């Protein structure tokens, strides 16, 4: 008999796993893989939902999926370390290093041809540091013409967002545009916001304060 994290494990098959601490986890499918003496997934294994639309393949610990690949439907594949958000989204969320591959449609999904990605360091499913490739194509941003966004440091400064009278925490990073322009500095999600430098494709640059994507005169 093998061991995983101090517990004896053996191959098994389980249906409709019951976890008191995680009542909303989609464990009403079919699991094939290693199990501990309590009959819970522990070690390597794969859980498939009843309709086959969702799969968690990788490492399990006492019935909880912690690392691997999650095919969660919506033409997206998640890879990395996970935690289950039992009181928020009610779904597996990337936590730590990971990547989301976005395919846009079922044909790209089936042919493993992503149209963009979100990768780096995640906290509760939200990217803290890393990059977003083709943000408008993958519905991360509503602003077209952005090729890539890079988050380098989160929560560098707080600033008042006057339109909604709310303090927003700025990120330091970069934005690459389809027309060759490149921004380096503070930003809010997908727009220059705070101090930063915009360099156009012809080499001209402007360093100034930005507010919601616009130059502060």
C-alpha atoms as a PDB file:
ATOM      1  CA  UNK A   1       0.000   0.000   0.000  1.00  0.00           C
ATOM      2  CA  UNK A   2       1.324   3.467  -0.959  1.00  0.00           C
ATOM      3  CA  UNK A   3       1.444   6.591   1.198  1.00  0.00           C
ATOM      4  CA  UNK A   4       0.582  10.206   0.482  1.00  0.00           C
ATOM      5  CA  UNK A   5       1.156  12.968   3.053  1.00  0.00           C
ATOM      6  CA  UNK A   6       1.391  10.503   5.908  1.00  0.00           C
ATOM      7  CA  UNK A   7      -1.681   8.451   5.069  1.00  0.00           C
ATOM      8  CA  UNK A   8      -2.054   5.025   3.502  1.00  0.00           C
ATOM      9  CA  UNK A   9      -3.718   5.167   0.098  1.00  0.00           C
ATOM     10  CA  UNK A  10      -4.983   2.690  -2.443  1.00  0.00           C
ATOM     11  CA  UNK A  11      -6.716   2.926  -5.838  1.00  0.00           C
ATOM     12  CA  UNK A  12     -10.472   3.265  -5.753  1.00  0.00           C
ATOM     13  CA  UNK A  13     -13.656   4.572  -7.345  1.00  0.00           C
ATOM     14  CA  UNK A  14     -16.096   6.853  -5.551  1.00  0.00           C
ATOM     15  CA  UNK A  15     -19.490   8.322  -6.410  1.00  0.00           C
ATOM     16  CA  UNK A  16     -21.147  11.304  -4.717  1.00  0.00           C
ATOM     17  CA  UNK A  17     -18.447  12.201  -2.199  1.00  0.00           C
ATOM     18  CA  UNK A  18     -19.812  13.790   0.985  1.00  0.00           C
ATOM     19  CA  UNK A  19     -17.737  16.417   2.800  1.00  0.00           C
ATOM     20  CA  UNK A  20     -19.253  18.145   5.824  1.00  0.00           C
ATOM     21  CA  UNK A  21     -16.780  21.041   5.647  1.00  0.00           C
ATOM     22  CA  UNK A  22     -17.368  21.679   1.956  1.00  0.00           C
ATOM     23  CA  UNK A  23     -21.103  21.181   1.357  1.00  0.00           C
ATOM     24  CA  UNK A  24     -21.156  22.994  -1.975  1.00  0.00           C
ATOM     25  CA  UNK A  25     -18.238  21.211  -3.636  1.00  0.00           C
ATOM     26  CA  UNK A  26     -19.264  19.447  -6.829  1.00  0.00           C
ATOM     27  CA  UNK A  27     -18.552  15.954  -5.512  1.00  0.00           C
ATOM     28  CA  UNK A  28     -21.655  14.423  -7.017  1.00  0.00           C
ATOM     29  CA  UNK A  29     -19.708  12.933  -9.896  1.00  0.00           C
ATOM     30  CA  UNK A  30     -17.376   9.995 -10.420  1.00  0.00           C
ATOM     31  CA  UNK A  31     -13.898   9.881  -8.912  1.00  0.00           C
ATOM     32  CA  UNK A  32     -11.166   7.496 -10.033  1.00  0.00           C
ATOM     33  CA  UNK A  33      -7.830   7.554  -8.254  1.00  0.00           C
ATOM     34  CA  UNK A  34      -6.183   7.063  -4.890  1.00  0.00           C
ATOM     35  CA  UNK A  35      -8.218   7.162  -1.677  1.00  0.00           C
ATOM     36  CA  UNK A  36      -7.390   7.181   2.022  1.00  0.00           C
ATOM     37  CA  UNK A  37      -8.788   4.854   4.682  1.00  0.00           C
ATOM     38  CA  UNK A  38     -11.780   7.190   5.159  1.00  0.00           C
ATOM     39  CA  UNK A  39     -12.794   6.594   1.561  1.00  0.00           C
ATOM     40  CA  UNK A  40     -11.908  10.102   0.428  1.00  0.00           C
ATOM     41  CA  UNK A  41      -9.758  11.164  -2.560  1.00  0.00           C
ATOM     42  CA  UNK A  42      -6.173  11.428  -1.316  1.00  0.00           C
ATOM     43  CA  UNK A  43      -3.273  11.487  -3.754  1.00  0.00           C
ATOM     44  CA  UNK A  44      -3.555  11.533  -7.531  1.00  0.00           C
ATOM     45  CA  UNK A  45      -6.975  11.168  -9.107  1.00  0.00           C
ATOM     46  CA  UNK A  46      -9.680  12.634 -11.327  1.00  0.00           C
ATOM     47  CA  UNK A  47     -13.221  13.707 -10.523  1.00  0.00           C
ATOM     48  CA  UNK A  48     -15.713  14.086 -13.373  1.00  0.00           C
ATOM     49  CA  UNK A  49     -19.121  15.682 -12.919  1.00  0.00           C
ATOM     50  CA  UNK A  50     -22.178  13.622 -13.798  1.00  0.00           C
ATOM     51  CA  UNK A  51     -22.740  15.421 -17.099  1.00  0.00           C
ATOM     52  CA  UNK A  52     -19.031  15.299 -17.969  1.00  0.00           C
ATOM     53  CA  UNK A  53     -18.724  19.091 -18.303  1.00  0.00           C
ATOM     54  CA  UNK A  54     -16.306  19.541 -15.368  1.00  0.00           C
ATOM     55  CA  UNK A  55     -13.149  17.683 -14.389  1.00  0.00           C
ATOM     56  CA  UNK A  56     -10.583  18.049 -11.605  1.00  0.00           C
ATOM     57  CA  UNK A  57      -7.433  16.075 -12.325  1.00  0.00           C
ATOM     58  CA  UNK A  58      -4.409  16.114 -10.050  1.00  0.00           C
ATOM     59  CA  UNK A  59      -3.608  15.998  -6.327  1.00  0.00           C
ATOM     60  CA  UNK A  60      -6.225  15.554  -3.611  1.00  0.00           C
ATOM     61  CA  UNK A  61      -5.943  15.813   0.151  1.00  0.00           C
ATOM     62  CA  UNK A  62      -8.664  14.357   2.393  1.00  0.00           C
ATOM     63  CA  UNK A  63     -11.271  14.788  -0.321  1.00  0.00           C
ATOM     64  CA  UNK A  64     -10.239  18.295  -1.379  1.00  0.00           C
ATOM     65  CA  UNK A  65      -8.676  19.122  -4.756  1.00  0.00           C
ATOM     66  CA  UNK A  66      -5.470  21.095  -4.131  1.00  0.00           C
ATOM     67  CA  UNK A  67      -3.354  21.067  -7.298  1.00  0.00           C
ATOM     68  CA  UNK A  68      -3.663  20.119 -10.953  1.00  0.00           C
ATOM     69  CA  UNK A  69      -5.964  20.931 -13.863  1.00  0.00           C
ATOM     70  CA  UNK A  70      -9.573  22.050 -13.604  1.00  0.00           C
ATOM     71  CA  UNK A  71     -11.732  21.988 -16.739  1.00  0.00           C
ATOM     72  CA  UNK A  72     -14.606  24.089 -15.467  1.00  0.00           C
ATOM     73  CA  UNK A  73     -16.657  24.540 -18.606  1.00  0.00           C
ATOM     74  CA  UNK A  74     -17.110  27.921 -20.370  1.00  0.00           C
ATOM     75  CA  UNK A  75     -14.170  26.995 -22.648  1.00  0.00           C
ATOM     76  CA  UNK A  76     -11.585  27.716 -19.935  1.00  0.00           C
ATOM     77  CA  UNK A  77      -8.935  25.437 -18.421  1.00  0.00           C
ATOM     78  CA  UNK A  78      -7.294  26.289 -15.092  1.00  0.00           C
ATOM     79  CA  UNK A  79      -3.932  24.901 -13.972  1.00  0.00           C
ATOM     80  CA  UNK A  80      -2.119  25.382 -10.686  1.00  0.00           C
ATOM     81  CA  UNK A  81      -2.887  25.352  -6.965  1.00  0.00           C
ATOM     82  CA  UNK A  82      -6.511  25.609  -5.851  1.00  0.00           C
ATOM     83  CA  UNK A  83      -8.722  26.435  -2.923  1.00  0.00           C
ATOM     84  CA  UNK A  84     -12.469  26.013  -2.800  1.00  0.00           C
ATOM     85  CA  UNK A  85     -14.450  29.222  -2.252  1.00  0.00           C
ATOM     86  CA  UNK A  86     -17.293  27.743  -0.258  1.00  0.00           C
ATOM     87  CA  UNK A  87     -18.857  31.087   0.668  1.00  0.00           C
ATOM     88  CA  UNK A  88     -18.170  33.197  -2.421  1.00  0.00           C
ATOM     89  CA  UNK A  89     -18.185  31.850  -5.953  1.00  0.00           C
ATOM     90  CA  UNK A  90     -18.972  28.294  -4.847  1.00  0.00           C
ATOM     91  CA  UNK A  91     -16.238  26.996  -7.124  1.00  0.00           C
ATOM     92  CA  UNK A  92     -12.581  26.003  -7.249  1.00  0.00           C
ATOM     93  CA  UNK A  93     -10.356  29.102  -7.351  1.00  0.00           C
ATOM     94  CA  UNK A  94      -6.701  29.463  -8.255  1.00  0.00           C
ATOM     95  CA  UNK A  95      -4.640  30.298  -5.191  1.00  0.00           C
ATOM     96  CA  UNK A  96      -0.879  30.750  -5.650  1.00  0.00           C
ATOM     97  CA  UNK A  97       0.874  30.210  -8.965  1.00  0.00           C
ATOM     98  CA  UNK A  98      -1.429  29.269 -11.810  1.00  0.00           C
ATOM     99  CA  UNK A  99      -2.734  29.947 -15.287  1.00  0.00           C
ATOM    100  CA  UNK A 100      -6.096  30.259 -17.002  1.00  0.00           C
ATOM    101  CA  UNK A 101      -6.213  29.236 -20.668  1.00  0.00           C
ATOM    102  CA  UNK A 102      -9.099  30.893 -22.521  1.00  0.00           C
ATOM    103  CA  UNK A 103     -10.293  29.356 -25.779  1.00  0.00           C
ATOM    104  CA  UNK A 104     -13.252  31.533 -26.759  1.00  0.00           C
ATOM    105  CA  UNK A 105     -15.302  28.747 -28.330  1.00  0.00           C
ATOM    106  CA  UNK A 106     -15.779  25.006 -28.157  1.00  0.00           C
ATOM    107  CA  UNK A 107     -13.831  24.337 -31.360  1.00  0.00           C
ATOM    108  CA  UNK A 108     -10.685  26.020 -30.025  1.00  0.00           C
ATOM    109  CA  UNK A 109     -11.261  24.257 -26.710  1.00  0.00           C
ATOM    110  CA  UNK A 110     -11.446  20.832 -28.314  1.00  0.00           C
ATOM    111  CA  UNK A 111      -8.374  21.541 -30.487  1.00  0.00           C
ATOM    112  CA  UNK A 112      -6.397  22.983 -27.536  1.00  0.00           C
ATOM    113  CA  UNK A 113      -5.885  26.376 -29.212  1.00  0.00           C
ATOM    114  CA  UNK A 114      -6.144  29.123 -26.564  1.00  0.00           C
ATOM    115  CA  UNK A 115      -6.775  32.690 -27.727  1.00  0.00           C
ATOM    116  CA  UNK A 116      -5.318  34.226 -24.575  1.00  0.00           C
ATOM    117  CA  UNK A 117      -4.391  33.571 -20.981  1.00  0.00           C
ATOM    118  CA  UNK A 118      -4.134  34.944 -17.458  1.00  0.00           C
ATOM    119  CA  UNK A 119      -1.089  33.674 -15.590  1.00  0.00           C
ATOM    120  CA  UNK A 120       0.929  34.436 -12.492  1.00  0.00           C
ATOM    121  CA  UNK A 121       0.196  34.697  -8.782  1.00  0.00           C
ATOM    122  CA  UNK A 122      -3.475  34.399  -7.810  1.00  0.00           C
ATOM    123  CA  UNK A 123      -5.390  35.134  -4.624  1.00  0.00           C
ATOM    124  CA  UNK A 124      -8.928  33.701  -4.449  1.00  0.00           C
ATOM    125  CA  UNK A 125      -9.085  33.481  -8.236  1.00  0.00           C
ATOM    126  CA  UNK A 126      -7.885  37.056  -8.826  1.00  0.00           C
ATOM    127  CA  UNK A 127      -4.538  37.788 -10.479  1.00  0.00           C
ATOM    128  CA  UNK A 128      -2.194  39.692  -8.137  1.00  0.00           C
ATOM    129  CA  UNK A 129       1.038  39.588 -10.166  1.00  0.00           C
ATOM    130  CA  UNK A 130       1.480  38.291 -13.698  1.00  0.00           C
ATOM    131  CA  UNK A 131       0.203  38.871 -17.219  1.00  0.00           C
ATOM    132  CA  UNK A 132      -3.005  38.933 -19.198  1.00  0.00           C
ATOM    133  CA  UNK A 133      -2.619  38.131 -22.897  1.00  0.00           C
ATOM    134  CA  UNK A 134      -5.302  39.490 -25.278  1.00  0.00           C
ATOM    135  CA  UNK A 135      -7.516  40.809 -22.450  1.00  0.00           C
ATOM    136  CA  UNK A 136     -10.409  41.979 -24.648  1.00  0.00           C
ATOM    137  CA  UNK A 137     -10.609  38.650 -26.516  1.00  0.00           C
ATOM    138  CA  UNK A 138     -10.950  36.727 -23.257  1.00  0.00           C
ATOM    139  CA  UNK A 139     -13.463  39.202 -21.742  1.00  0.00           C
ATOM    140  CA  UNK A 140     -11.028  40.397 -19.098  1.00  0.00           C
ATOM    141  CA  UNK A 141     -11.167  43.959 -20.408  1.00  0.00           C
ATOM    142  CA  UNK A 142     -13.832  45.885 -22.283  1.00  0.00           C
ATOM    143  CA  UNK A 143     -11.174  48.057 -23.963  1.00  0.00           C
ATOM    144  CA  UNK A 144     -10.115  46.836 -27.393  1.00  0.00           C
ATOM    145  CA  UNK A 145      -6.629  47.417 -28.756  1.00  0.00           C
ATOM    146  CA  UNK A 146      -4.735  46.068 -25.734  1.00  0.00           C
ATOM    147  CA  UNK A 147      -2.290  43.270 -26.520  1.00  0.00           C
ATOM    148  CA  UNK A 148      -1.040  42.518 -23.021  1.00  0.00           C
ATOM    149  CA  UNK A 149      -1.272  43.767 -19.435  1.00  0.00           C
ATOM    150  CA  UNK A 150       1.404  43.011 -16.837  1.00  0.00           C
ATOM    151  CA  UNK A 151       0.843  43.417 -13.098  1.00  0.00           C
ATOM    152  CA  UNK A 152       4.169  43.761 -11.262  1.00  0.00           C
ATOM    153  CA  UNK A 153       3.189  45.021  -7.823  1.00  0.00           C
ATOM    154  CA  UNK A 154      -0.238  45.283  -6.231  1.00  0.00           C
ATOM    155  CA  UNK A 155      -1.627  47.970  -3.918  1.00  0.00           C
ATOM    156  CA  UNK A 156       1.179  50.488  -4.461  1.00  0.00           C
ATOM    157  CA  UNK A 157      -0.993  53.502  -3.616  1.00  0.00           C
ATOM    158  CA  UNK A 158      -4.589  54.502  -2.926  1.00  0.00           C
ATOM    159  CA  UNK A 159      -6.295  57.204  -4.956  1.00  0.00           C
ATOM    160  CA  UNK A 160      -9.804  58.634  -5.053  1.00  0.00           C
ATOM    161  CA  UNK A 161     -11.948  57.543  -7.977  1.00  0.00           C
ATOM    162  CA  UNK A 162     -14.043  60.720  -8.148  1.00  0.00           C
ATOM    163  CA  UNK A 163     -16.896  59.398 -10.333  1.00  0.00           C
ATOM    164  CA  UNK A 164     -17.936  56.874  -7.704  1.00  0.00           C
ATOM    165  CA  UNK A 165     -16.413  58.608  -4.656  1.00  0.00           C
ATOM    166  CA  UNK A 166     -14.398  55.515  -3.826  1.00  0.00           C
ATOM    167  CA  UNK A 167     -10.754  54.937  -2.950  1.00  0.00           C
ATOM    168  CA  UNK A 168      -9.116  52.525  -5.378  1.00  0.00           C
ATOM    169  CA  UNK A 169      -5.812  50.705  -4.870  1.00  0.00           C
ATOM    170  CA  UNK A 170      -3.438  51.134  -7.787  1.00  0.00           C
ATOM    171  CA  UNK A 171      -1.175  48.471  -9.269  1.00  0.00           C
ATOM    172  CA  UNK A 172       2.244  49.048 -10.813  1.00  0.00           C
ATOM    173  CA  UNK A 173       2.670  47.424 -14.203  1.00  0.00           C
ATOM    174  CA  UNK A 174       2.718  47.732 -17.968  1.00  0.00           C
ATOM    175  CA  UNK A 175       0.240  47.856 -20.834  1.00  0.00           C
ATOM    176  CA  UNK A 176       1.175  46.886 -24.395  1.00  0.00           C
ATOM    177  CA  UNK A 177      -1.141  48.165 -27.142  1.00  0.00           C
ATOM    178  CA  UNK A 178      -1.812  46.746 -30.596  1.00  0.00           C
ATOM    179  CA  UNK A 179      -0.639  49.980 -32.257  1.00  0.00           C
ATOM    180  CA  UNK A 180       2.827  49.665 -30.680  1.00  0.00           C
ATOM    181  CA  UNK A 181       2.317  52.040 -27.758  1.00  0.00           C
ATOM    182  CA  UNK A 182       3.628  50.966 -24.368  1.00  0.00           C
ATOM    183  CA  UNK A 183       2.693  52.262 -20.915  1.00  0.00           C
ATOM    184  CA  UNK A 184       4.752  51.776 -17.735  1.00  0.00           C
ATOM    185  CA  UNK A 185       3.522  52.986 -14.373  1.00  0.00           C
ATOM    186  CA  UNK A 186       0.578  52.921 -12.041  1.00  0.00           C
ATOM    187  CA  UNK A 187      -2.678  51.550 -13.347  1.00  0.00           C
ATOM    188  CA  UNK A 188      -6.148  50.562 -12.278  1.00  0.00           C
ATOM    189  CA  UNK A 189      -7.075  47.190 -13.744  1.00  0.00           C
ATOM    190  CA  UNK A 190      -6.675  47.903 -17.486  1.00  0.00           C
ATOM    191  CA  UNK A 191      -6.131  51.686 -17.640  1.00  0.00           C
ATOM    192  CA  UNK A 192      -3.294  54.124 -16.833  1.00  0.00           C
ATOM    193  CA  UNK A 193      -4.211  55.645 -13.488  1.00  0.00           C
ATOM    194  CA  UNK A 194      -1.665  57.565 -11.396  1.00  0.00           C
ATOM    195  CA  UNK A 195       1.956  58.282 -12.328  1.00  0.00           C
ATOM    196  CA  UNK A 196       3.320  56.700 -15.496  1.00  0.00           C
ATOM    197  CA  UNK A 197       4.971  57.009 -18.911  1.00  0.00           C
ATOM    198  CA  UNK A 198       3.304  56.353 -22.255  1.00  0.00           C
ATOM    199  CA  UNK A 199       5.668  55.688 -25.178  1.00  0.00           C
ATOM    200  CA  UNK A 200       4.173  55.704 -28.666  1.00  0.00           C
ATOM    201  CA  UNK A 201       5.275  53.485 -31.539  1.00  0.00           C
ATOM    202  CA  UNK A 202       7.291  56.361 -33.085  1.00  0.00           C
ATOM    203  CA  UNK A 203       9.322  56.789 -29.891  1.00  0.00           C
ATOM    204  CA  UNK A 204       7.599  59.888 -28.512  1.00  0.00           C
ATOM    205  CA  UNK A 205       6.846  59.599 -24.809  1.00  0.00           C
ATOM    206  CA  UNK A 206       4.946  61.446 -22.107  1.00  0.00           C
ATOM    207  CA  UNK A 207       5.438  61.090 -18.362  1.00  0.00           C
ATOM    208  CA  UNK A 208       2.623  62.544 -16.302  1.00  0.00           C
ATOM    209  CA  UNK A 209      -0.352  61.863 -14.046  1.00  0.00           C
ATOM    210  CA  UNK A 210      -3.143  59.794 -15.502  1.00  0.00           C
ATOM    211  CA  UNK A 211      -6.747  59.534 -14.417  1.00  0.00           C
ATOM    212  CA  UNK A 212      -8.919  56.667 -15.676  1.00  0.00           C
ATOM    213  CA  UNK A 213      -6.847  56.359 -18.843  1.00  0.00           C
ATOM    214  CA  UNK A 214      -6.645  60.090 -19.588  1.00  0.00           C
ATOM    215  CA  UNK A 215      -3.819  62.610 -19.162  1.00  0.00           C
ATOM    216  CA  UNK A 216      -4.272  64.954 -16.213  1.00  0.00           C
ATOM    217  CA  UNK A 217      -3.519  68.441 -17.557  1.00  0.00           C
END
